[in-house]
Amino acid sequence: MGVTAVTSAKAPAAPKSFDWRVIAAFFAIYVIWGTTFLAIRIAVLEIPPLFAAGTRFLIGGAILYGFTRLRRQPGPTRSQWRSLTMIALLMFVAEYGPLFWAEKYVPSGIASVLEATLPLITLALETWVFRRHPFHWPLLIAVSLGFCGVGILLFHNGEHVGLLPFLAILFGVTGWSLGAVLTGSLDLPDSRPLTSGAAMLLGGVMLLGLSGLFGELHPFPHVSLRAAAALIYLIAFGSLLGFTAFFWLLARMPATRVSSHAYVNPVVAVAAGYFLAGETISARTLIGAGLVLASVVVILRKR
């Protein structure tokens, strides 16, 4: 899954000449991030979810943070570490703990569509809670359209897996959105890769701590070859390669264009779940997903 941790308000104009690296970077945040939902599903069906999430972010965060420090980036100050702790709680613990747990019960394609509500919830927080954007009826209609799609998914699938996993994913998305909104007012390092690496590292430590408190480490989980491969994929491709591509693109073109992964990832995730894992796709699922993605497209284009 893609993580839009902290984006800068200003971005240089898009490059004028063709650059194959742009294609490769968009492939990473479109396709690779889209397939991470299936990798999460594979991992949590065999190993405890909090342990899986903590392992992913502890290792990925340590590598990313260590790499940026080796490039002589200044380390966070004490005040910045406090801000990073808040970001880690909201954007990694509150988001990925529920997501990894919910994917034990929810197909990866459905989970990806629910995660696509992130722009909707972020806009709702910015407009009606923090009052950062003026009220516009078209945006309200777009948000309502997206949540109608969520309602269709909940109504259709709740009878099969229960309501709690769906609510857990939406709770996590709300935590991530709140963290994203608050980043603009927090004291954070200037280096965005350093910020994400440190927040991932802290989030991984917290998730593993929660894993221990919930008894997932007694006895220590047996990690099968299949689960280990899923974790390695999440760390190497989902976190390290995906994050690198994401920040590389942000430095070269507007954040709105880069954020288009929010409505491509669910399409990739649903296709991966269907063709690689045999997940079913019903007409109601397609309708609900279509409403959510249409809403996200309208909101991102308006913003």
Protein backbone atom coordinates (compact mmCIF):
# COMPACT_ATOMS: atom_id res chain seq x y z
CA MET A 1 0.00 0.00 0.00
CA GLY A 2 1.07 3.42 -0.84
CA VAL A 3 1.76 5.86 1.94
CA THR A 4 1.48 9.57 1.25
CA ALA A 5 3.19 10.52 4.44
CA VAL A 6 4.10 14.18 4.18
CA THR A 7 3.81 16.23 1.00
CA SER A 8 5.25 19.65 0.45
CA ALA A 9 2.93 22.50 -0.44
CA LYS A 10 5.07 23.62 -3.38
CA ALA A 11 6.37 21.48 -6.21
CA PRO A 12 8.37 22.35 -9.30
CA ALA A 13 6.73 22.25 -12.69
CA ALA A 14 6.60 18.97 -14.56
CA PRO A 15 9.66 18.15 -16.70
CA LYS A 16 9.36 19.21 -20.34
CA SER A 17 11.27 16.34 -21.95
CA PHE A 18 10.49 12.63 -21.80
CA ASP A 19 12.15 10.86 -18.90
CA TRP A 20 11.85 7.09 -18.59
CA ARG A 21 12.44 7.46 -14.84
CA VAL A 22 9.06 9.20 -14.57
CA ILE A 23 7.38 6.17 -16.15
CA ALA A 24 9.24 3.82 -13.81
CA ALA A 25 8.36 5.92 -10.76
CA PHE A 26 4.66 6.05 -11.66
CA PHE A 27 4.73 2.29 -12.23
CA ALA A 28 6.03 1.94 -8.67
CA ILE A 29 3.31 4.05 -7.03
CA TYR A 30 0.53 2.82 -9.35
CA VAL A 31 1.18 -0.90 -9.71
CA ILE A 32 3.54 -1.87 -6.89
CA TRP A 33 1.61 0.04 -4.23
CA GLY A 34 -1.60 -1.45 -5.61
CA THR A 35 -0.29 -5.00 -5.14
CA THR A 36 0.75 -4.42 -1.52
CA PHE A 37 -2.83 -5.04 -0.37
CA LEU A 38 -2.61 -8.61 -1.60
CA ALA A 39 0.82 -9.00 0.04
CA ILE A 40 -0.67 -7.82 3.35
CA ARG A 41 -3.50 -10.32 2.95
CA ILE A 42 -1.04 -13.16 2.34
CA ALA A 43 1.09 -12.20 5.33
CA VAL A 44 -1.69 -11.80 7.92
CA LEU A 45 -3.37 -15.09 7.02
CA GLU A 46 -0.27 -16.85 8.37
CA ILE A 47 1.31 -14.54 10.97
CA PRO A 48 -0.17 -12.15 13.58
CA PRO A 49 -1.21 -8.82 12.03
CA LEU A 50 0.44 -6.42 14.49
CA PHE A 51 3.66 -8.41 14.32
CA ALA A 52 3.57 -8.29 10.50
CA ALA A 53 2.91 -4.53 10.41
CA GLY A 54 5.55 -3.80 13.06
CA THR A 55 8.17 -5.88 11.29
CA ARG A 56 7.47 -4.17 7.96
CA PHE A 57 7.82 -0.65 9.29
CA LEU A 58 10.62 -1.28 11.76
CA ILE A 59 12.89 -2.71 9.06
CA GLY A 60 11.73 -0.37 6.30
CA GLY A 61 11.95 2.69 8.55
CA ALA A 62 15.38 1.74 9.87
CA ILE A 63 16.75 1.33 6.33
CA LEU A 64 15.22 4.59 5.04
CA TYR A 65 16.21 6.59 8.12
CA GLY A 66 19.71 5.11 8.15
CA PHE A 67 20.18 5.85 4.44
CA THR A 68 19.22 9.50 4.84
CA ARG A 69 21.51 9.90 7.86
CA LEU A 70 24.39 8.33 5.91
CA ARG A 71 23.85 11.06 3.33
CA ARG A 72 24.61 13.51 6.14
CA GLN A 73 21.06 14.70 6.65
CA PRO A 74 20.80 16.35 10.12
CA GLY A 75 18.94 14.26 12.66
CA PRO A 76 15.63 15.40 14.20
CA THR A 77 15.69 17.72 17.20
CA ARG A 78 13.94 16.83 20.46
CA SER A 79 10.90 18.88 19.43
CA GLN A 80 10.86 17.15 16.05
CA TRP A 81 11.03 13.72 17.66
CA ARG A 82 7.89 14.61 19.64
CA SER A 83 6.12 15.59 16.43
CA LEU A 84 7.35 12.42 14.73
CA THR A 85 5.94 10.37 17.59
CA MET A 86 2.50 11.91 17.02
CA ILE A 87 2.76 11.24 13.28
CA ALA A 88 3.82 7.65 13.96
CA LEU A 89 0.82 7.10 16.23
CA LEU A 90 -1.70 8.51 13.78
CA MET A 91 -0.26 7.51 10.40
CA PHE A 92 1.27 4.12 11.16
CA VAL A 93 -0.10 2.65 14.41
CA ALA A 94 -3.71 3.89 14.08
CA GLU A 95 -3.73 3.29 10.32
CA TYR A 96 -1.82 0.07 9.68
CA GLY A 97 -2.62 -1.80 12.87
CA PRO A 98 -6.36 -1.90 12.02
CA LEU A 99 -5.68 -2.43 8.30
CA PHE A 100 -3.43 -5.46 8.82
CA TRP A 101 -5.92 -6.92 11.32
CA ALA A 102 -8.93 -6.27 9.06
CA GLU A 103 -7.30 -7.95 6.06
CA LYS A 104 -7.55 -11.25 7.92
CA TYR A 105 -11.27 -11.02 7.21
CA VAL A 106 -11.70 -8.57 4.29
CA PRO A 107 -10.55 -9.36 0.72
CA SER A 108 -7.61 -7.24 -0.37
CA GLY A 109 -9.59 -5.60 -3.19
CA ILE A 110 -12.32 -4.38 -0.83
CA ALA A 111 -9.70 -3.15 1.65
CA SER A 112 -8.02 -1.13 -1.08
CA VAL A 113 -11.31 0.54 -2.05
CA LEU A 114 -12.00 1.49 1.57
CA GLU A 115 -8.47 2.88 1.80
CA ALA A 116 -9.22 5.00 -1.27
CA THR A 117 -11.56 7.09 0.90
CA LEU A 118 -8.47 8.82 2.31
CA PRO A 119 -8.88 11.95 0.13
CA LEU A 120 -12.57 12.10 1.07
CA ILE A 121 -11.93 11.97 4.81
CA THR A 122 -8.98 14.36 4.55
CA LEU A 123 -11.12 16.89 2.68
CA ALA A 124 -13.92 16.52 5.23
CA LEU A 125 -11.49 17.18 8.10
CA GLU A 126 -9.89 20.16 6.37
CA THR A 127 -13.25 21.71 5.43
CA TRP A 128 -15.56 21.05 8.36
CA VAL A 129 -13.22 20.43 11.32
CA PHE A 130 -10.16 22.61 10.71
CA ARG A 131 -11.92 25.14 8.44
CA ARG A 132 -8.99 25.30 6.02
CA HIS A 133 -11.10 25.23 2.86
CA PRO A 134 -14.30 27.10 2.00
CA PHE A 135 -17.49 25.09 1.63
CA HIS A 136 -18.42 24.10 -1.92
CA TRP A 137 -21.49 22.12 -2.90
CA PRO A 138 -19.74 20.18 -5.69
CA LEU A 139 -17.16 18.85 -3.23
CA LEU A 140 -19.88 17.94 -0.72
CA ILE A 141 -21.69 16.03 -3.46
CA ALA A 142 -18.43 14.26 -4.40
CA VAL A 143 -17.76 13.26 -0.78
CA SER A 144 -21.36 12.05 -0.39
CA LEU A 145 -21.01 10.03 -3.59
CA GLY A 146 -17.91 8.32 -2.23
CA PHE A 147 -19.52 7.39 1.05
CA CYS A 148 -22.56 6.04 -0.78
CA GLY A 149 -20.10 3.67 -2.44
CA VAL A 150 -18.72 2.71 0.98
CA GLY A 151 -22.28 2.10 2.19
CA ILE A 152 -22.90 -0.28 -0.70
CA LEU A 153 -19.74 -2.21 0.16
CA LEU A 154 -20.63 -2.37 3.86
CA PHE A 155 -24.22 -3.45 3.23
CA HIS A 156 -23.27 -6.14 0.77
CA ASN A 157 -20.25 -7.62 2.50
CA GLY A 158 -21.03 -7.03 6.16
CA GLU A 159 -23.18 -10.16 6.35
CA HIS A 160 -20.19 -12.27 5.29
CA VAL A 161 -17.33 -10.93 7.42
CA GLY A 162 -18.96 -8.67 9.98
CA LEU A 163 -19.01 -4.91 10.25
CA LEU A 164 -16.00 -4.49 12.56
CA PRO A 165 -13.22 -5.06 9.97
CA PHE A 166 -14.77 -2.45 7.67
CA LEU A 167 -15.04 0.06 10.50
CA ALA A 168 -11.46 -0.74 11.54
CA ILE A 169 -10.18 0.20 8.07
CA LEU A 170 -12.18 3.43 8.05
CA PHE A 171 -10.91 4.25 11.55
CA GLY A 172 -7.36 3.76 10.33
CA VAL A 173 -7.94 5.97 7.29
CA THR A 174 -9.32 8.69 9.59
CA GLY A 175 -6.19 8.45 11.75
CA TRP A 176 -3.96 8.77 8.69
CA SER A 177 -5.98 11.73 7.38
CA LEU A 178 -5.78 13.50 10.73
CA GLY A 179 -2.03 12.98 10.80
CA ALA A 180 -1.70 14.30 7.25
CA VAL A 181 -3.71 17.42 8.12
CA LEU A 182 -1.68 18.08 11.27
CA THR A 183 1.72 17.77 9.57
CA GLY A 184 1.45 21.32 8.28
CA SER A 185 1.45 22.68 11.85
CA LEU A 186 4.04 20.35 13.40
CA ASP A 187 7.77 20.88 13.79
CA LEU A 188 9.23 18.29 11.41
CA PRO A 189 12.59 17.85 9.65
CA ASP A 190 13.00 19.55 6.29
CA SER A 191 13.94 16.26 4.64
CA ARG A 192 10.73 14.37 3.76
CA PRO A 193 12.46 10.99 3.32
CA LEU A 194 14.07 11.46 6.75
CA THR A 195 10.68 12.37 8.22
CA SER A 196 8.99 9.30 6.74
CA GLY A 197 11.86 7.00 7.71
CA ALA A 198 11.85 8.21 11.32
CA ALA A 199 8.05 8.02 11.56
CA MET A 200 8.05 4.51 10.08
CA LEU A 201 10.76 3.44 12.51
CA LEU A 202 8.83 4.77 15.51
CA GLY A 203 5.59 3.26 14.21
CA GLY A 204 7.25 -0.13 13.79
CA VAL A 205 8.52 -0.07 17.38
CA MET A 206 5.06 0.86 18.68
CA LEU A 207 3.30 -1.79 16.60
CA LEU A 208 5.69 -4.49 17.83
CA GLY A 209 5.12 -3.25 21.39
CA LEU A 210 1.36 -3.63 20.89
CA SER A 211 1.96 -7.04 19.34
CA GLY A 212 3.65 -8.10 22.58
CA LEU A 213 0.88 -6.62 24.75
CA PHE A 214 -1.77 -8.53 22.79
CA GLY A 215 0.12 -11.79 23.23
CA GLU A 216 1.18 -12.21 19.61
CA LEU A 217 4.80 -12.88 20.59
CA HIS A 218 4.05 -15.73 23.04
CA PRO A 219 5.08 -18.05 21.54
CA PHE A 220 7.14 -16.22 18.95
CA PRO A 221 5.33 -16.43 15.59
CA HIS A 222 6.47 -19.00 13.09
CA VAL A 223 7.09 -17.19 9.80
CA SER A 224 6.57 -19.50 6.84
CA LEU A 225 8.39 -19.02 3.56
CA ARG A 226 5.20 -17.65 1.97
CA ALA A 227 4.66 -15.09 4.75
CA ALA A 228 8.34 -14.13 4.75
CA ALA A 229 8.20 -13.52 1.00
CA ALA A 230 5.14 -11.27 1.47
CA LEU A 231 6.93 -9.28 4.20
CA ILE A 232 10.07 -8.91 2.10
CA TYR A 233 7.93 -7.67 -0.79
CA LEU A 234 6.21 -5.13 1.48
CA ILE A 235 9.53 -3.88 2.85
CA ALA A 236 11.60 -3.82 -0.33
CA PHE A 237 8.97 -2.83 -2.90
CA GLY A 238 6.06 -1.35 -0.97
CA SER A 239 8.07 0.78 1.47
CA LEU A 240 11.59 1.40 0.14
CA LEU A 241 11.05 1.44 -3.63
CA GLY A 242 7.56 2.93 -3.41
CA PHE A 243 8.60 5.70 -1.02
CA THR A 244 11.69 6.54 -3.08
CA ALA A 245 9.61 6.81 -6.27
CA PHE A 246 6.94 8.85 -4.49
CA PHE A 247 9.34 11.46 -3.11
CA TRP A 248 11.28 11.56 -6.38
CA LEU A 249 8.07 12.42 -8.24
CA LEU A 250 7.03 15.03 -5.67
CA ALA A 251 10.28 16.87 -6.31
CA ARG A 252 9.51 17.11 -10.04
CA MET A 253 5.79 17.66 -10.51
CA PRO A 254 2.66 18.87 -8.68
CA ALA A 255 1.49 16.82 -5.71
CA THR A 256 -2.01 16.58 -7.22
CA ARG A 257 -0.67 14.65 -10.19
CA VAL A 258 1.37 12.33 -7.97
CA SER A 259 -1.69 11.76 -5.76
CA SER A 260 -3.46 10.17 -8.71
CA HIS A 261 -2.22 6.84 -7.33
CA ALA A 262 -5.17 7.06 -4.90
CA TYR A 263 -7.60 6.04 -7.64
CA VAL A 264 -5.28 3.70 -9.53
CA ASN A 265 -4.19 1.54 -6.57
CA PRO A 266 -7.68 0.09 -5.91
CA VAL A 267 -8.05 -0.94 -9.57
CA VAL A 268 -4.70 -2.74 -9.42
CA ALA A 269 -5.53 -4.27 -6.03
CA VAL A 270 -8.92 -5.60 -7.14
CA ALA A 271 -7.36 -7.08 -10.30
CA ALA A 272 -4.49 -8.66 -8.33
CA GLY A 273 -6.90 -10.18 -5.82
CA TYR A 274 -9.08 -11.57 -8.60
CA PHE A 275 -6.37 -13.02 -10.86
CA LEU A 276 -3.75 -14.04 -8.28
CA ALA A 277 -5.81 -14.98 -5.22
CA GLY A 278 -9.20 -15.92 -6.64
CA GLU A 279 -11.10 -13.18 -4.78
CA THR A 280 -14.64 -12.78 -6.05
CA ILE A 281 -15.87 -9.56 -7.65
CA SER A 282 -19.63 -9.05 -7.51
CA ALA A 283 -21.73 -6.44 -9.31
CA ARG A 284 -22.30 -4.63 -6.00
CA THR A 285 -18.56 -4.54 -5.39
CA LEU A 286 -17.99 -2.95 -8.79
CA ILE A 287 -20.74 -0.39 -8.21
CA GLY A 288 -19.47 0.55 -4.75
CA ALA A 289 -15.87 0.74 -5.94
CA GLY A 290 -16.90 2.80 -8.97
CA LEU A 291 -18.67 5.37 -6.78
CA VAL A 292 -15.68 5.67 -4.44
CA LEU A 293 -13.17 6.05 -7.27
CA ALA A 294 -15.34 8.55 -9.14
CA SER A 295 -15.56 10.63 -5.97
CA VAL A 296 -11.79 10.50 -5.47
CA VAL A 297 -11.14 11.54 -9.07
CA VAL A 298 -13.46 14.57 -8.73
CA ILE A 299 -11.91 15.67 -5.43
CA LEU A 300 -8.30 15.35 -6.56
CA ARG A 301 -9.01 17.22 -9.79
CA LYS A 302 -10.87 19.99 -7.95
CA ARG A 303 -8.03 20.37 -5.45
